[in-house]
Amino acid sequence: MYRLPEGQGRIGLISPVSADFCDRCNRLRLTADGKVKPCLHSPAEFSIRGLDLEGMKRQFLAACAAKPARHEALSYECRSRSARSMNRIGG
């Protein structure tokens, strides 16, 4: 965790490649085109675009249920299974 002098809040860097913390991850990612990803490295995506509040709730719950216990070990040879590159996922 880092804090800038006179800055508000803190910033932390996450390293999922060298530190496996999937079982403790409580994050979902919302892409710019309205898809919820349960894991950065998962190909699963749940669309919330155009849904009413109840529909969005169902999709968020489905994304939570789809969170994997862990992802594969990542390396140059074993790439992420996400259908998107990291710069298209957001955080």
Protein backbone atom coordinates (compact mmCIF):
# COMPACT_ATOMS: atom_id res chain seq x y z
CA MET A 1 0.00 0.00 0.00
CA TYR A 2 1.23 3.45 -0.90
CA ARG A 3 0.19 6.93 0.13
CA LEU A 4 1.28 10.13 -1.60
CA PRO A 5 2.27 13.08 0.57
CA GLU A 6 -0.80 15.25 1.05
CA GLY A 7 -2.83 12.77 -1.02
CA GLN A 8 -6.22 11.44 -0.03
CA GLY A 9 -6.47 7.68 0.42
CA ARG A 10 -4.03 4.92 -0.48
CA ILE A 11 -3.20 2.91 -3.56
CA GLY A 12 -2.25 -0.75 -3.58
CA LEU A 13 -0.79 -2.91 -6.30
CA ILE A 14 -2.18 -6.39 -6.79
CA SER A 15 0.07 -9.10 -8.17
CA PRO A 16 -2.11 -12.11 -9.01
CA VAL A 17 0.67 -13.77 -10.95
CA SER A 18 3.13 -14.06 -8.07
CA ALA A 19 0.68 -14.15 -5.15
CA ASP A 20 -2.37 -16.43 -5.23
CA PHE A 21 -5.11 -14.76 -3.19
CA CYS A 22 -8.18 -15.90 -5.14
CA ASP A 23 -9.85 -17.49 -2.12
CA ARG A 24 -9.79 -14.10 -0.38
CA CYS A 25 -10.67 -11.93 -3.41
CA ASN A 26 -13.89 -9.97 -3.01
CA ARG A 27 -13.65 -8.02 -6.26
CA LEU A 28 -15.76 -7.95 -9.38
CA ARG A 29 -14.82 -5.94 -12.46
CA LEU A 30 -17.26 -3.86 -14.49
CA THR A 31 -16.11 -3.32 -18.06
CA ALA A 32 -16.81 -0.14 -20.02
CA ASP A 33 -19.31 -2.03 -22.19
CA GLY A 34 -21.43 -3.17 -19.24
CA LYS A 35 -20.13 -6.65 -18.44
CA VAL A 36 -19.37 -7.90 -14.93
CA LYS A 37 -16.32 -10.16 -14.68
CA PRO A 38 -16.02 -12.43 -11.63
CA CYS A 39 -12.24 -12.73 -12.11
CA LEU A 40 -9.65 -10.89 -14.18
CA HIS A 41 -8.48 -14.18 -15.66
CA SER A 42 -11.87 -15.80 -16.23
CA PRO A 43 -13.55 -15.88 -19.64
CA ALA A 44 -16.92 -15.51 -17.84
CA GLU A 45 -18.76 -12.20 -18.26
CA PHE A 46 -22.28 -11.23 -17.18
CA SER A 47 -24.01 -8.43 -19.09
CA ILE A 48 -25.92 -5.80 -17.13
CA ARG A 49 -26.41 -3.42 -20.03
CA GLY A 50 -30.02 -2.44 -20.51
CA LEU A 51 -31.29 -4.38 -17.47
CA ASP A 52 -33.56 -3.02 -14.76
CA LEU A 53 -32.38 -3.02 -11.14
CA GLU A 54 -33.64 -6.55 -10.43
CA GLY A 55 -32.01 -7.89 -13.57
CA MET A 56 -28.71 -6.26 -12.59
CA LYS A 57 -28.94 -7.77 -9.11
CA ARG A 58 -29.42 -11.23 -10.60
CA GLN A 59 -26.40 -10.79 -12.86
CA PHE A 60 -24.21 -9.53 -10.00
CA LEU A 61 -25.25 -12.52 -7.88
CA ALA A 62 -24.48 -14.85 -10.79
CA ALA A 63 -21.04 -13.23 -11.16
CA CYS A 64 -20.40 -13.70 -7.43
CA ALA A 65 -21.38 -17.36 -7.67
CA ALA A 66 -19.04 -17.79 -10.65
CA LYS A 67 -15.94 -16.55 -8.80
CA PRO A 68 -13.33 -19.29 -9.10
CA ALA A 69 -11.52 -20.68 -6.06
CA ARG A 70 -8.30 -19.96 -7.96
CA HIS A 71 -7.00 -19.39 -11.44
CA GLU A 72 -4.28 -21.34 -13.19
CA ALA A 73 -0.66 -20.48 -12.55
CA LEU A 74 0.08 -17.71 -15.02
CA SER A 75 3.27 -17.43 -17.01
CA TYR A 76 4.48 -16.62 -20.50
CA GLU A 77 3.49 -20.14 -21.58
CA CYS A 78 0.20 -20.26 -19.63
CA ARG A 79 -1.73 -17.09 -20.45
CA SER A 80 -4.86 -15.70 -18.84
CA ARG A 81 -8.09 -17.30 -20.10
CA SER A 82 -9.84 -13.93 -20.19
CA ALA A 83 -11.29 -13.06 -23.57
CA ARG A 84 -10.03 -9.49 -23.07
CA SER A 85 -6.59 -8.02 -22.59
CA MET A 86 -6.02 -6.35 -19.23
CA ASN A 87 -6.21 -2.84 -20.67
CA ARG A 88 -9.76 -3.62 -21.88
CA ILE A 89 -10.99 -4.95 -18.53
CA GLY A 90 -10.37 -1.99 -16.26
CA GLY A 91 -10.26 -2.28 -12.53
